[in-house]
Amino acid sequence: MEARVQRELYDQMVLIRTYEEAILREYHADKKPVFDIGAGLVPGEMHLSAGQEPVAAGVCAHLTTDDAVTATHRPHHFAIAHGIDLNAMTAEIFGRVDGLGKGRGGHMHLFDPKTHFSCSGIIAEGYPSAAGAALAFKKRGTGQIAVGVTGEGAANQGAFHETLNLASLWKLPAVFIVEDNDWGISVPRSASTCVASNAERAAAYGMPGIRIEDNAVEAVYEAAGHAVERARNGGGPTLIEVHTLRLWGHFEGDAQGYRSDIEGVPGQDPIPTYEATLRSAGVLDDAAVVETQTRATELVESAIAFAKASPEPDPSTVLDYVFA
């Protein structure tokens, strides 16, 4: 792999992690001494993607903002990797009028027509939405593709199976991603799913199925590259499952008492692992690492400041945009 691509993947992963760390900080800043999910600058649930950066970085490296991405309730890594405006995204998370949805959607409902990005709190919702976008792209003959993302727990939903069936039947220009972070909220995959890998299920729908182990960003990049090329060239959809890692809780406030692996989780962090690989290959040195982190911090802190400076919605507008 070219050193340029490796550096871009690393930079993207660092930007995503820096963003999630900042949101974590702001989310908890005013929820003390007793955690109150409804309090503070960022009220409501919060699902952060620390540890899952390799999936978004590896997949989105092959996309343009003309392609569609539909993500899950844990969406920030895919939103950032797909090029969403950080200021508008952060303002939405803070519930401010300069947000993507004018502060009405929050972090699980980010919609950006400029980058064809969307997400939802509904489990497995991203798959049928991606299929719809892919069908439109095919009918228009634009060469665009759609990427649908879901978690391994959602692979047992009807929407997962129905979508894969139709996408293959209609040979849609789509790539379907499963992020296997081992836990469907608090339920391990082994207690909910009858196959060891959801990639095996692709055969039932007449499409290639690939499983990537070890949260390896370069392996994701390679597999996604072939899948995206296949979709653009009329070959139809591909299912890719990535064994990734949820570093933090299912949501902020999750005590994670169900996790027997929690003590060893920090040691599996994919960013220092990839950084060490690139240092050994001569792609990174101390100066490059500092440069990447400094640039990421500047972008993220600027977005946080923008969100805080944006006004809160006027309560008198509560019924605006409800009906067309």
C-alpha atoms as a PDB file:
ATOM      1  CA  MET A   1       0.000   0.000   0.000  1.00  0.00           C
ATOM      2  CA  GLU A   2       1.205   3.492  -0.845  1.00  0.00           C
ATOM      3  CA  ALA A   3       2.587   5.510   2.053  1.00  0.00           C
ATOM      4  CA  ARG A   4       0.251   8.357   1.072  1.00  0.00           C
ATOM      5  CA  VAL A   5      -2.810   6.158   1.554  1.00  0.00           C
ATOM      6  CA  GLN A   6      -1.495   4.807   4.850  1.00  0.00           C
ATOM      7  CA  ARG A   7      -0.992   8.344   6.127  1.00  0.00           C
ATOM      8  CA  GLU A   8      -4.483   9.358   5.034  1.00  0.00           C
ATOM      9  CA  LEU A   9      -6.009   6.380   6.847  1.00  0.00           C
ATOM     10  CA  TYR A  10      -4.050   7.206   9.993  1.00  0.00           C
ATOM     11  CA  ASP A  11      -4.971  10.896   9.841  1.00  0.00           C
ATOM     12  CA  GLN A  12      -8.645  10.026   9.443  1.00  0.00           C
ATOM     13  CA  MET A  13      -8.595   7.662  12.401  1.00  0.00           C
ATOM     14  CA  VAL A  14      -6.901  10.250  14.617  1.00  0.00           C
ATOM     15  CA  LEU A  15      -9.404  12.934  13.621  1.00  0.00           C
ATOM     16  CA  ILE A  16     -12.313  10.647  14.477  1.00  0.00           C
ATOM     17  CA  ARG A  17     -10.850   9.676  17.856  1.00  0.00           C
ATOM     18  CA  THR A  18     -10.032  13.295  18.699  1.00  0.00           C
ATOM     19  CA  TYR A  19     -13.624  14.223  17.920  1.00  0.00           C
ATOM     20  CA  GLU A  20     -15.109  11.445  20.032  1.00  0.00           C
ATOM     21  CA  GLU A  21     -12.843  12.323  22.956  1.00  0.00           C
ATOM     22  CA  ALA A  22     -14.006  15.934  22.747  1.00  0.00           C
ATOM     23  CA  ILE A  23     -17.684  14.938  22.615  1.00  0.00           C
ATOM     24  CA  LEU A  24     -17.080  12.602  25.578  1.00  0.00           C
ATOM     25  CA  ARG A  25     -15.574  15.514  27.523  1.00  0.00           C
ATOM     26  CA  GLU A  26     -18.377  17.941  26.709  1.00  0.00           C
ATOM     27  CA  TYR A  27     -21.101  15.379  27.282  1.00  0.00           C
ATOM     28  CA  HIS A  28     -19.972  14.574  30.816  1.00  0.00           C
ATOM     29  CA  ALA A  29     -18.769  18.053  31.808  1.00  0.00           C
ATOM     30  CA  ASP A  30     -22.045  19.115  33.411  1.00  0.00           C
ATOM     31  CA  LYS A  31     -23.581  15.753  34.320  1.00  0.00           C
ATOM     32  CA  LYS A  32     -21.916  15.578  37.739  1.00  0.00           C
ATOM     33  CA  PRO A  33     -21.884  14.716  40.602  1.00  0.00           C
ATOM     34  CA  VAL A  34     -24.806  12.414  39.772  1.00  0.00           C
ATOM     35  CA  PHE A  35     -25.117  11.294  36.150  1.00  0.00           C
ATOM     36  CA  ASP A  36     -28.276  12.734  34.595  1.00  0.00           C
ATOM     37  CA  ILE A  37     -28.797  11.785  30.966  1.00  0.00           C
ATOM     38  CA  GLY A  38     -31.091  14.757  30.397  1.00  0.00           C
ATOM     39  CA  ALA A  39     -28.785  17.408  31.848  1.00  0.00           C
ATOM     40  CA  GLY A  40     -26.162  19.645  30.351  1.00  0.00           C
ATOM     41  CA  LEU A  41     -25.065  21.101  27.038  1.00  0.00           C
ATOM     42  CA  VAL A  42     -25.527  17.762  25.267  1.00  0.00           C
ATOM     43  CA  PRO A  43     -28.663  16.131  26.693  1.00  0.00           C
ATOM     44  CA  GLY A  44     -29.958  12.705  25.738  1.00  0.00           C
ATOM     45  CA  GLU A  45     -28.232   9.450  24.853  1.00  0.00           C
ATOM     46  CA  MET A  46     -24.750   9.379  23.370  1.00  0.00           C
ATOM     47  CA  HIS A  47     -23.174   6.467  21.482  1.00  0.00           C
ATOM     48  CA  LEU A  48     -19.505   7.000  20.656  1.00  0.00           C
ATOM     49  CA  SER A  49     -17.414   5.100  18.128  1.00  0.00           C
ATOM     50  CA  ALA A  50     -13.977   4.962  19.762  1.00  0.00           C
ATOM     51  CA  GLY A  51     -12.307   1.771  18.565  1.00  0.00           C
ATOM     52  CA  GLN A  52     -14.334   1.467  15.380  1.00  0.00           C
ATOM     53  CA  GLU A  53     -12.366   4.063  13.398  1.00  0.00           C
ATOM     54  CA  PRO A  54     -10.738   1.506  11.039  1.00  0.00           C
ATOM     55  CA  VAL A  55     -14.099   0.563   9.559  1.00  0.00           C
ATOM     56  CA  ALA A  56     -15.138   4.073   8.574  1.00  0.00           C
ATOM     57  CA  ALA A  57     -11.669   5.144   7.457  1.00  0.00           C
ATOM     58  CA  GLY A  58     -11.123   2.065   5.311  1.00  0.00           C
ATOM     59  CA  VAL A  59     -14.532   2.122   3.636  1.00  0.00           C
ATOM     60  CA  CYS A  60     -14.994   5.844   3.060  1.00  0.00           C
ATOM     61  CA  ALA A  61     -11.536   6.239   1.522  1.00  0.00           C
ATOM     62  CA  HIS A  62     -13.086   4.842  -1.678  1.00  0.00           C
ATOM     63  CA  LEU A  63     -16.171   7.060  -1.721  1.00  0.00           C
ATOM     64  CA  THR A  64     -16.984  10.562  -2.877  1.00  0.00           C
ATOM     65  CA  THR A  65     -19.622  12.813  -1.374  1.00  0.00           C
ATOM     66  CA  ASP A  66     -21.822  11.897  -4.348  1.00  0.00           C
ATOM     67  CA  ASP A  67     -22.088   8.398  -2.884  1.00  0.00           C
ATOM     68  CA  ALA A  68     -24.602   7.712  -0.131  1.00  0.00           C
ATOM     69  CA  VAL A  69     -23.780   6.441   3.349  1.00  0.00           C
ATOM     70  CA  THR A  70     -26.430   5.386   5.859  1.00  0.00           C
ATOM     71  CA  ALA A  71     -25.013   4.765   9.314  1.00  0.00           C
ATOM     72  CA  THR A  72     -26.237   3.495  12.662  1.00  0.00           C
ATOM     73  CA  HIS A  73     -27.077   5.094  16.006  1.00  0.00           C
ATOM     74  CA  ARG A  74     -23.269   5.171  16.521  1.00  0.00           C
ATOM     75  CA  PRO A  75     -22.591   7.353  13.492  1.00  0.00           C
ATOM     76  CA  HIS A  76     -19.857   9.933  14.108  1.00  0.00           C
ATOM     77  CA  HIS A  77     -16.951   7.965  12.621  1.00  0.00           C
ATOM     78  CA  PHE A  78     -18.741   7.392   9.321  1.00  0.00           C
ATOM     79  CA  ALA A  79     -20.032  10.958   9.206  1.00  0.00           C
ATOM     80  CA  ILE A  80     -16.533  12.366   9.634  1.00  0.00           C
ATOM     81  CA  ALA A  81     -14.888   9.928   7.226  1.00  0.00           C
ATOM     82  CA  HIS A  82     -17.527  10.719   4.597  1.00  0.00           C
ATOM     83  CA  GLY A  83     -16.739  14.430   4.759  1.00  0.00           C
ATOM     84  CA  ILE A  84     -19.636  15.892   6.743  1.00  0.00           C
ATOM     85  CA  ASP A  85     -19.131  19.484   7.904  1.00  0.00           C
ATOM     86  CA  LEU A  86     -17.788  19.278  11.465  1.00  0.00           C
ATOM     87  CA  ASN A  87     -19.288  22.602  12.532  1.00  0.00           C
ATOM     88  CA  ALA A  88     -22.812  21.750  11.417  1.00  0.00           C
ATOM     89  CA  MET A  89     -22.578  18.212  12.784  1.00  0.00           C
ATOM     90  CA  THR A  90     -21.376  19.394  16.183  1.00  0.00           C
ATOM     91  CA  ALA A  91     -24.018  22.096  16.401  1.00  0.00           C
ATOM     92  CA  GLU A  92     -26.633  19.423  15.733  1.00  0.00           C
ATOM     93  CA  ILE A  93     -25.248  17.240  18.507  1.00  0.00           C
ATOM     94  CA  PHE A  94     -25.484  20.243  20.846  1.00  0.00           C
ATOM     95  CA  GLY A  95     -29.065  20.891  19.688  1.00  0.00           C
ATOM     96  CA  ARG A  96     -28.335  24.303  18.145  1.00  0.00           C
ATOM     97  CA  VAL A  97     -29.942  26.139  15.235  1.00  0.00           C
ATOM     98  CA  ASP A  98     -26.815  26.010  13.067  1.00  0.00           C
ATOM     99  CA  GLY A  99     -26.903  22.216  13.159  1.00  0.00           C
ATOM    100  CA  LEU A 100     -27.634  19.951  10.217  1.00  0.00           C
ATOM    101  CA  GLY A 101     -31.250  19.583  11.362  1.00  0.00           C
ATOM    102  CA  LYS A 102     -31.466  22.987  13.057  1.00  0.00           C
ATOM    103  CA  GLY A 103     -30.895  21.255  16.378  1.00  0.00           C
ATOM    104  CA  ARG A 104     -33.952  19.037  16.143  1.00  0.00           C
ATOM    105  CA  GLY A 105     -32.382  15.671  15.417  1.00  0.00           C
ATOM    106  CA  GLY A 106     -29.443  15.223  17.730  1.00  0.00           C
ATOM    107  CA  HIS A 107     -26.540  12.859  17.352  1.00  0.00           C
ATOM    108  CA  MET A 108     -28.534   9.783  16.213  1.00  0.00           C
ATOM    109  CA  HIS A 109     -30.339  11.648  13.446  1.00  0.00           C
ATOM    110  CA  LEU A 110     -27.730  13.390  11.342  1.00  0.00           C
ATOM    111  CA  PHE A 111     -28.895  14.176   7.811  1.00  0.00           C
ATOM    112  CA  ASP A 112     -26.697  15.931   5.279  1.00  0.00           C
ATOM    113  CA  PRO A 113     -27.860  16.178   1.659  1.00  0.00           C
ATOM    114  CA  LYS A 114     -24.507  17.706   0.647  1.00  0.00           C
ATOM    115  CA  THR A 115     -22.699  14.449   1.388  1.00  0.00           C
ATOM    116  CA  HIS A 116     -25.636  12.043   1.018  1.00  0.00           C
ATOM    117  CA  PHE A 117     -25.187  11.038   4.652  1.00  0.00           C
ATOM    118  CA  SER A 118     -27.854   9.884   7.070  1.00  0.00           C
ATOM    119  CA  CYS A 119     -28.202   7.759  10.181  1.00  0.00           C
ATOM    120  CA  SER A 120     -30.926   6.572  12.518  1.00  0.00           C
ATOM    121  CA  GLY A 121     -31.635   5.276  15.993  1.00  0.00           C
ATOM    122  CA  ILE A 122     -33.718   2.474  14.432  1.00  0.00           C
ATOM    123  CA  ILE A 123     -31.821  -0.822  14.407  1.00  0.00           C
ATOM    124  CA  ALA A 124     -30.897  -2.032  10.879  1.00  0.00           C
ATOM    125  CA  GLU A 125     -32.583   1.021   9.304  1.00  0.00           C
ATOM    126  CA  GLY A 126     -29.451   1.845   7.322  1.00  0.00           C
ATOM    127  CA  TYR A 127     -29.760  -1.166   5.039  1.00  0.00           C
ATOM    128  CA  PRO A 128     -33.134  -0.516   3.365  1.00  0.00           C
ATOM    129  CA  SER A 129     -32.297   3.184   3.094  1.00  0.00           C
ATOM    130  CA  ALA A 130     -29.039   2.346   1.345  1.00  0.00           C
ATOM    131  CA  ALA A 131     -30.864  -0.019  -0.999  1.00  0.00           C
ATOM    132  CA  GLY A 132     -33.321   2.734  -1.883  1.00  0.00           C
ATOM    133  CA  ALA A 133     -30.503   5.132  -2.691  1.00  0.00           C
ATOM    134  CA  ALA A 134     -28.706   2.454  -4.711  1.00  0.00           C
ATOM    135  CA  LEU A 135     -31.873   1.719  -6.691  1.00  0.00           C
ATOM    136  CA  ALA A 136     -32.225   5.417  -7.519  1.00  0.00           C
ATOM    137  CA  PHE A 137     -28.579   5.599  -8.581  1.00  0.00           C
ATOM    138  CA  LYS A 138     -28.984   2.549 -10.814  1.00  0.00           C
ATOM    139  CA  LYS A 139     -32.088   3.938 -12.499  1.00  0.00           C
ATOM    140  CA  ARG A 140     -30.359   7.262 -13.086  1.00  0.00           C
ATOM    141  CA  GLY A 141     -27.166   5.628 -14.347  1.00  0.00           C
ATOM    142  CA  THR A 142     -25.013   8.072 -12.413  1.00  0.00           C
ATOM    143  CA  GLY A 143     -22.268   5.679 -11.306  1.00  0.00           C
ATOM    144  CA  GLN A 144     -22.928   6.477  -7.654  1.00  0.00           C
ATOM    145  CA  ILE A 145     -23.096   3.751  -5.028  1.00  0.00           C
ATOM    146  CA  ALA A 146     -24.628   3.425  -1.575  1.00  0.00           C
ATOM    147  CA  VAL A 147     -23.073   2.047   1.599  1.00  0.00           C
ATOM    148  CA  GLY A 148     -25.290   0.715   4.380  1.00  0.00           C
ATOM    149  CA  VAL A 149     -23.870   0.164   7.850  1.00  0.00           C
ATOM    150  CA  THR A 150     -25.227  -1.879  10.731  1.00  0.00           C
ATOM    151  CA  GLY A 151     -24.019  -3.751  13.776  1.00  0.00           C
ATOM    152  CA  GLU A 152     -23.714  -7.501  14.252  1.00  0.00           C
ATOM    153  CA  GLY A 153     -26.759  -7.539  16.523  1.00  0.00           C
ATOM    154  CA  ALA A 154     -28.896  -5.934  13.830  1.00  0.00           C
ATOM    155  CA  ALA A 155     -27.959  -8.718  11.407  1.00  0.00           C
ATOM    156  CA  ASN A 156     -30.758 -10.743  12.993  1.00  0.00           C
ATOM    157  CA  GLN A 157     -33.382  -8.169  12.036  1.00  0.00           C
ATOM    158  CA  GLY A 158     -35.739  -8.737   9.154  1.00  0.00           C
ATOM    159  CA  ALA A 159     -34.594  -5.528   7.455  1.00  0.00           C
ATOM    160  CA  PHE A 160     -31.090  -6.983   7.123  1.00  0.00           C
ATOM    161  CA  HIS A 161     -32.262 -10.108   5.290  1.00  0.00           C
ATOM    162  CA  GLU A 162     -34.973  -8.452   3.212  1.00  0.00           C
ATOM    163  CA  THR A 163     -32.556  -5.801   1.999  1.00  0.00           C
ATOM    164  CA  LEU A 164     -29.801  -8.234   1.042  1.00  0.00           C
ATOM    165  CA  ASN A 165     -32.294 -10.313  -0.913  1.00  0.00           C
ATOM    166  CA  LEU A 166     -33.629  -7.412  -2.963  1.00  0.00           C
ATOM    167  CA  ALA A 167     -30.232  -5.783  -3.414  1.00  0.00           C
ATOM    168  CA  SER A 168     -28.861  -8.973  -4.912  1.00  0.00           C
ATOM    169  CA  LEU A 169     -31.983  -9.692  -6.954  1.00  0.00           C
ATOM    170  CA  TRP A 170     -31.881  -6.200  -8.472  1.00  0.00           C
ATOM    171  CA  LYS A 171     -28.055  -6.129  -8.682  1.00  0.00           C
ATOM    172  CA  LEU A 172     -27.913  -2.818  -6.866  1.00  0.00           C
ATOM    173  CA  PRO A 173     -24.712  -0.724  -6.664  1.00  0.00           C
ATOM    174  CA  ALA A 174     -24.330  -1.137  -2.924  1.00  0.00           C
ATOM    175  CA  VAL A 175     -21.897  -2.254  -0.247  1.00  0.00           C
ATOM    176  CA  PHE A 176     -23.240  -3.508   3.070  1.00  0.00           C
ATOM    177  CA  ILE A 177     -21.057  -3.224   6.161  1.00  0.00           C
ATOM    178  CA  VAL A 178     -21.492  -5.083   9.443  1.00  0.00           C
ATOM    179  CA  GLU A 179     -19.560  -3.680  12.401  1.00  0.00           C
ATOM    180  CA  ASP A 180     -19.059  -6.626  14.733  1.00  0.00           C
ATOM    181  CA  ASN A 181     -17.976  -5.084  18.041  1.00  0.00           C
ATOM    182  CA  ASP A 182     -18.925  -8.294  19.918  1.00  0.00           C
ATOM    183  CA  TRP A 183     -21.811  -6.757  21.840  1.00  0.00           C
ATOM    184  CA  GLY A 184     -25.413  -6.049  20.837  1.00  0.00           C
ATOM    185  CA  ILE A 185     -25.889  -3.571  23.707  1.00  0.00           C
ATOM    186  CA  SER A 186     -25.142  -6.120  26.478  1.00  0.00           C
ATOM    187  CA  VAL A 187     -25.659  -9.374  24.563  1.00  0.00           C
ATOM    188  CA  PRO A 188     -22.629 -11.196  23.123  1.00  0.00           C
ATOM    189  CA  ARG A 189     -22.839 -12.329  19.515  1.00  0.00           C
ATOM    190  CA  SER A 190     -22.515 -15.963  20.561  1.00  0.00           C
ATOM    191  CA  ALA A 191     -25.756 -15.712  22.555  1.00  0.00           C
ATOM    192  CA  SER A 192     -27.794 -14.184  19.751  1.00  0.00           C
ATOM    193  CA  THR A 193     -26.458 -15.347  16.389  1.00  0.00           C
ATOM    194  CA  CYS A 194     -26.357 -18.881  15.004  1.00  0.00           C
ATOM    195  CA  VAL A 195     -23.332 -18.349  12.745  1.00  0.00           C
ATOM    196  CA  ALA A 196     -19.804 -17.377  13.728  1.00  0.00           C
ATOM    197  CA  SER A 197     -19.654 -14.726  11.018  1.00  0.00           C
ATOM    198  CA  ASN A 198     -22.412 -12.780   9.326  1.00  0.00           C
ATOM    199  CA  ALA A 199     -20.307 -12.833   6.173  1.00  0.00           C
ATOM    200  CA  GLU A 200     -21.427 -16.475   5.799  1.00  0.00           C
ATOM    201  CA  ARG A 201     -24.968 -15.230   5.301  1.00  0.00           C
ATOM    202  CA  ALA A 202     -24.026 -13.488   2.049  1.00  0.00           C
ATOM    203  CA  ALA A 203     -24.016 -16.824   0.201  1.00  0.00           C
ATOM    204  CA  ALA A 204     -27.743 -17.208   0.823  1.00  0.00           C
ATOM    205  CA  TYR A 205     -28.307 -13.999  -1.126  1.00  0.00           C
ATOM    206  CA  GLY A 206     -25.938 -14.680  -4.002  1.00  0.00           C
ATOM    207  CA  MET A 207     -23.326 -12.069  -3.154  1.00  0.00           C
ATOM    208  CA  PRO A 208     -19.727 -12.138  -1.928  1.00  0.00           C
ATOM    209  CA  GLY A 209     -19.260 -12.158   1.833  1.00  0.00           C
ATOM    210  CA  ILE A 210     -16.004 -11.112   3.467  1.00  0.00           C
ATOM    211  CA  ARG A 211     -14.989 -11.006   7.123  1.00  0.00           C
ATOM    212  CA  ILE A 212     -12.091  -8.820   8.249  1.00  0.00           C
ATOM    213  CA  GLU A 213     -10.409  -9.801  11.512  1.00  0.00           C
ATOM    214  CA  ASP A 214      -8.275  -7.813  13.951  1.00  0.00           C
ATOM    215  CA  ASN A 215      -9.874  -4.416  13.273  1.00  0.00           C
ATOM    216  CA  ALA A 216      -7.260  -3.980  10.550  1.00  0.00           C
ATOM    217  CA  VAL A 217      -7.733  -0.732   8.629  1.00  0.00           C
ATOM    218  CA  GLU A 218      -5.625  -1.769   5.630  1.00  0.00           C
ATOM    219  CA  ALA A 219      -7.568  -5.007   5.259  1.00  0.00           C
ATOM    220  CA  VAL A 220     -10.819  -3.029   5.402  1.00  0.00           C
ATOM    221  CA  TYR A 221      -9.442  -0.647   2.784  1.00  0.00           C
ATOM    222  CA  GLU A 222      -8.516  -3.479   0.418  1.00  0.00           C
ATOM    223  CA  ALA A 223     -11.821  -5.341   0.782  1.00  0.00           C
ATOM    224  CA  ALA A 224     -13.880  -2.171   0.469  1.00  0.00           C
ATOM    225  CA  GLY A 225     -11.935  -1.166  -2.624  1.00  0.00           C
ATOM    226  CA  HIS A 226     -12.898  -4.373  -4.433  1.00  0.00           C
ATOM    227  CA  ALA A 227     -16.516  -4.126  -3.244  1.00  0.00           C
ATOM    228  CA  VAL A 228     -16.893  -0.505  -4.318  1.00  0.00           C
ATOM    229  CA  GLU A 229     -15.364  -1.225  -7.724  1.00  0.00           C
ATOM    230  CA  ARG A 230     -17.698  -4.185  -8.173  1.00  0.00           C
ATOM    231  CA  ALA A 231     -20.715  -2.070  -7.286  1.00  0.00           C
ATOM    232  CA  ARG A 232     -19.743   0.771  -9.632  1.00  0.00           C
ATOM    233  CA  ASN A 233     -19.155  -1.639 -12.501  1.00  0.00           C
ATOM    234  CA  GLY A 234     -22.585  -3.237 -12.271  1.00  0.00           C
ATOM    235  CA  GLY A 235     -21.515  -6.375 -10.420  1.00  0.00           C
ATOM    236  CA  GLY A 236     -23.989  -5.916  -7.605  1.00  0.00           C
ATOM    237  CA  PRO A 237     -23.663  -5.749  -3.828  1.00  0.00           C
ATOM    238  CA  THR A 238     -21.094  -7.130  -1.399  1.00  0.00           C
ATOM    239  CA  LEU A 239     -21.385  -7.855   2.323  1.00  0.00           C
ATOM    240  CA  ILE A 240     -18.356  -7.037   4.477  1.00  0.00           C
ATOM    241  CA  GLU A 241     -18.204  -7.798   8.192  1.00  0.00           C
ATOM    242  CA  VAL A 242     -15.400  -6.236  10.224  1.00  0.00           C
ATOM    243  CA  HIS A 243     -14.479  -7.597  13.637  1.00  0.00           C
ATOM    244  CA  THR A 244     -13.970  -4.249  15.307  1.00  0.00           C
ATOM    245  CA  LEU A 245     -13.896  -2.996  18.894  1.00  0.00           C
ATOM    246  CA  ARG A 246     -16.122  -0.874  21.084  1.00  0.00           C
ATOM    247  CA  LEU A 247     -13.622   0.764  23.430  1.00  0.00           C
ATOM    248  CA  TRP A 248     -16.287   2.482  25.537  1.00  0.00           C
ATOM    249  CA  GLY A 249     -19.819   1.614  26.648  1.00  0.00           C
ATOM    250  CA  HIS A 250     -22.812   1.003  24.433  1.00  0.00           C
ATOM    251  CA  PHE A 251     -23.894   4.469  25.520  1.00  0.00           C
ATOM    252  CA  GLU A 252     -22.424   7.042  27.878  1.00  0.00           C
ATOM    253  CA  GLY A 253     -23.506   6.027  31.365  1.00  0.00           C
ATOM    254  CA  ASP A 254     -23.252   2.319  30.563  1.00  0.00           C
ATOM    255  CA  ALA A 255     -21.597   0.628  33.563  1.00  0.00           C
ATOM    256  CA  GLN A 256     -20.594  -2.315  31.321  1.00  0.00           C
ATOM    257  CA  GLY A 257     -21.046  -4.867  34.087  1.00  0.00           C
ATOM    258  CA  TYR A 258     -21.780  -7.463  31.411  1.00  0.00           C
ATOM    259  CA  ARG A 259     -18.279  -7.225  29.884  1.00  0.00           C
ATOM    260  CA  SER A 260     -15.840  -9.824  31.075  1.00  0.00           C
ATOM    261  CA  ASP A 261     -13.219  -8.485  28.654  1.00  0.00           C
ATOM    262  CA  ILE A 262     -13.225  -4.881  29.824  1.00  0.00           C
ATOM    263  CA  GLU A 263      -9.779  -4.887  31.478  1.00  0.00           C
ATOM    264  CA  GLY A 264      -8.036  -5.934  28.285  1.00  0.00           C
ATOM    265  CA  VAL A 265      -9.922  -3.623  25.955  1.00  0.00           C
ATOM    266  CA  PRO A 266      -7.594  -0.558  26.065  1.00  0.00           C
ATOM    267  CA  GLY A 267      -4.693  -2.719  24.901  1.00  0.00           C
ATOM    268  CA  GLN A 268      -6.587  -3.502  21.688  1.00  0.00           C
ATOM    269  CA  ASP A 269      -6.883   0.164  20.677  1.00  0.00           C
ATOM    270  CA  PRO A 270      -6.391   0.195  16.865  1.00  0.00           C
ATOM    271  CA  ILE A 271      -4.802   3.651  16.642  1.00  0.00           C
ATOM    272  CA  PRO A 272      -1.555   3.049  18.585  1.00  0.00           C
ATOM    273  CA  THR A 273      -1.346  -0.351  16.893  1.00  0.00           C
ATOM    274  CA  TYR A 274      -1.508   1.214  13.422  1.00  0.00           C
ATOM    275  CA  GLU A 275       0.778   4.044  14.457  1.00  0.00           C
ATOM    276  CA  ALA A 276       3.418   1.507  15.499  1.00  0.00           C
ATOM    277  CA  THR A 277       3.046  -0.264  12.146  1.00  0.00           C
ATOM    278  CA  LEU A 278       3.548   2.967  10.212  1.00  0.00           C
ATOM    279  CA  ARG A 279       6.499   3.995  12.345  1.00  0.00           C
ATOM    280  CA  SER A 280       8.184   0.672  11.583  1.00  0.00           C
ATOM    281  CA  ALA A 281       7.505   1.215   7.875  1.00  0.00           C
ATOM    282  CA  GLY A 282       9.024   4.696   7.981  1.00  0.00           C
ATOM    283  CA  VAL A 283       5.707   6.379   7.140  1.00  0.00           C
ATOM    284  CA  LEU A 284       5.419   8.136  10.511  1.00  0.00           C
ATOM    285  CA  ASP A 285       7.858   9.758  12.885  1.00  0.00           C
ATOM    286  CA  ASP A 286       7.438  11.925  15.987  1.00  0.00           C
ATOM    287  CA  ALA A 287       6.966  15.095  13.950  1.00  0.00           C
ATOM    288  CA  ALA A 288       4.292  13.537  11.736  1.00  0.00           C
ATOM    289  CA  VAL A 289       2.374  12.190  14.733  1.00  0.00           C
ATOM    290  CA  VAL A 290       2.407  15.612  16.414  1.00  0.00           C
ATOM    291  CA  GLU A 291       1.352  17.287  13.160  1.00  0.00           C
ATOM    292  CA  THR A 292      -1.612  14.937  12.741  1.00  0.00           C
ATOM    293  CA  GLN A 293      -2.779  15.353  16.322  1.00  0.00           C
ATOM    294  CA  THR A 294      -2.380  19.133  16.258  1.00  0.00           C
ATOM    295  CA  ARG A 295      -4.399  19.494  13.069  1.00  0.00           C
ATOM    296  CA  ALA A 296      -7.121  17.194  14.381  1.00  0.00           C
ATOM    297  CA  THR A 297      -7.333  19.057  17.692  1.00  0.00           C
ATOM    298  CA  GLU A 298      -7.614  22.424  15.950  1.00  0.00           C
ATOM    299  CA  LEU A 299     -10.443  21.226  13.712  1.00  0.00           C
ATOM    300  CA  VAL A 300     -12.350  19.591  16.551  1.00  0.00           C
ATOM    301  CA  GLU A 301     -11.995  22.385  19.089  1.00  0.00           C
ATOM    302  CA  SER A 302     -13.082  24.898  16.441  1.00  0.00           C
ATOM    303  CA  ALA A 303     -16.217  22.822  15.831  1.00  0.00           C
ATOM    304  CA  ILE A 304     -16.944  22.606  19.569  1.00  0.00           C
ATOM    305  CA  ALA A 305     -16.601  26.398  19.884  1.00  0.00           C
ATOM    306  CA  PHE A 306     -18.873  26.901  16.863  1.00  0.00           C
ATOM    307  CA  ALA A 307     -21.546  24.680  18.414  1.00  0.00           C
ATOM    308  CA  LYS A 308     -21.424  26.428  21.765  1.00  0.00           C
ATOM    309  CA  ALA A 309     -21.743  29.827  20.099  1.00  0.00           C
ATOM    310  CA  SER A 310     -24.762  28.772  18.022  1.00  0.00           C
ATOM    311  CA  PRO A 311     -28.148  29.792  19.483  1.00  0.00           C
ATOM    312  CA  GLU A 312     -30.588  27.308  20.927  1.00  0.00           C
ATOM    313  CA  PRO A 313     -33.857  26.930  18.983  1.00  0.00           C
ATOM    314  CA  ASP A 314     -36.638  29.321  19.958  1.00  0.00           C
ATOM    315  CA  PRO A 315     -39.336  27.275  21.775  1.00  0.00           C
ATOM    316  CA  SER A 316     -41.988  29.079  19.730  1.00  0.00           C
ATOM    317  CA  THR A 317     -40.685  27.250  16.614  1.00  0.00           C
ATOM    318  CA  VAL A 318     -41.276  23.800  18.089  1.00  0.00           C
ATOM    319  CA  LEU A 319     -43.869  22.886  15.445  1.00  0.00           C
ATOM    320  CA  ASP A 320     -41.823  24.175  12.508  1.00  0.00           C
ATOM    321  CA  TYR A 321     -40.722  21.480  10.035  1.00  0.00           C
ATOM    322  CA  VAL A 322     -43.064  18.894  11.568  1.00  0.00           C
ATOM    323  CA  PHE A 323     -45.479  18.882   8.651  1.00  0.00           C
ATOM    324  CA  ALA A 324     -44.925  19.811   5.016  1.00  0.00           C
END
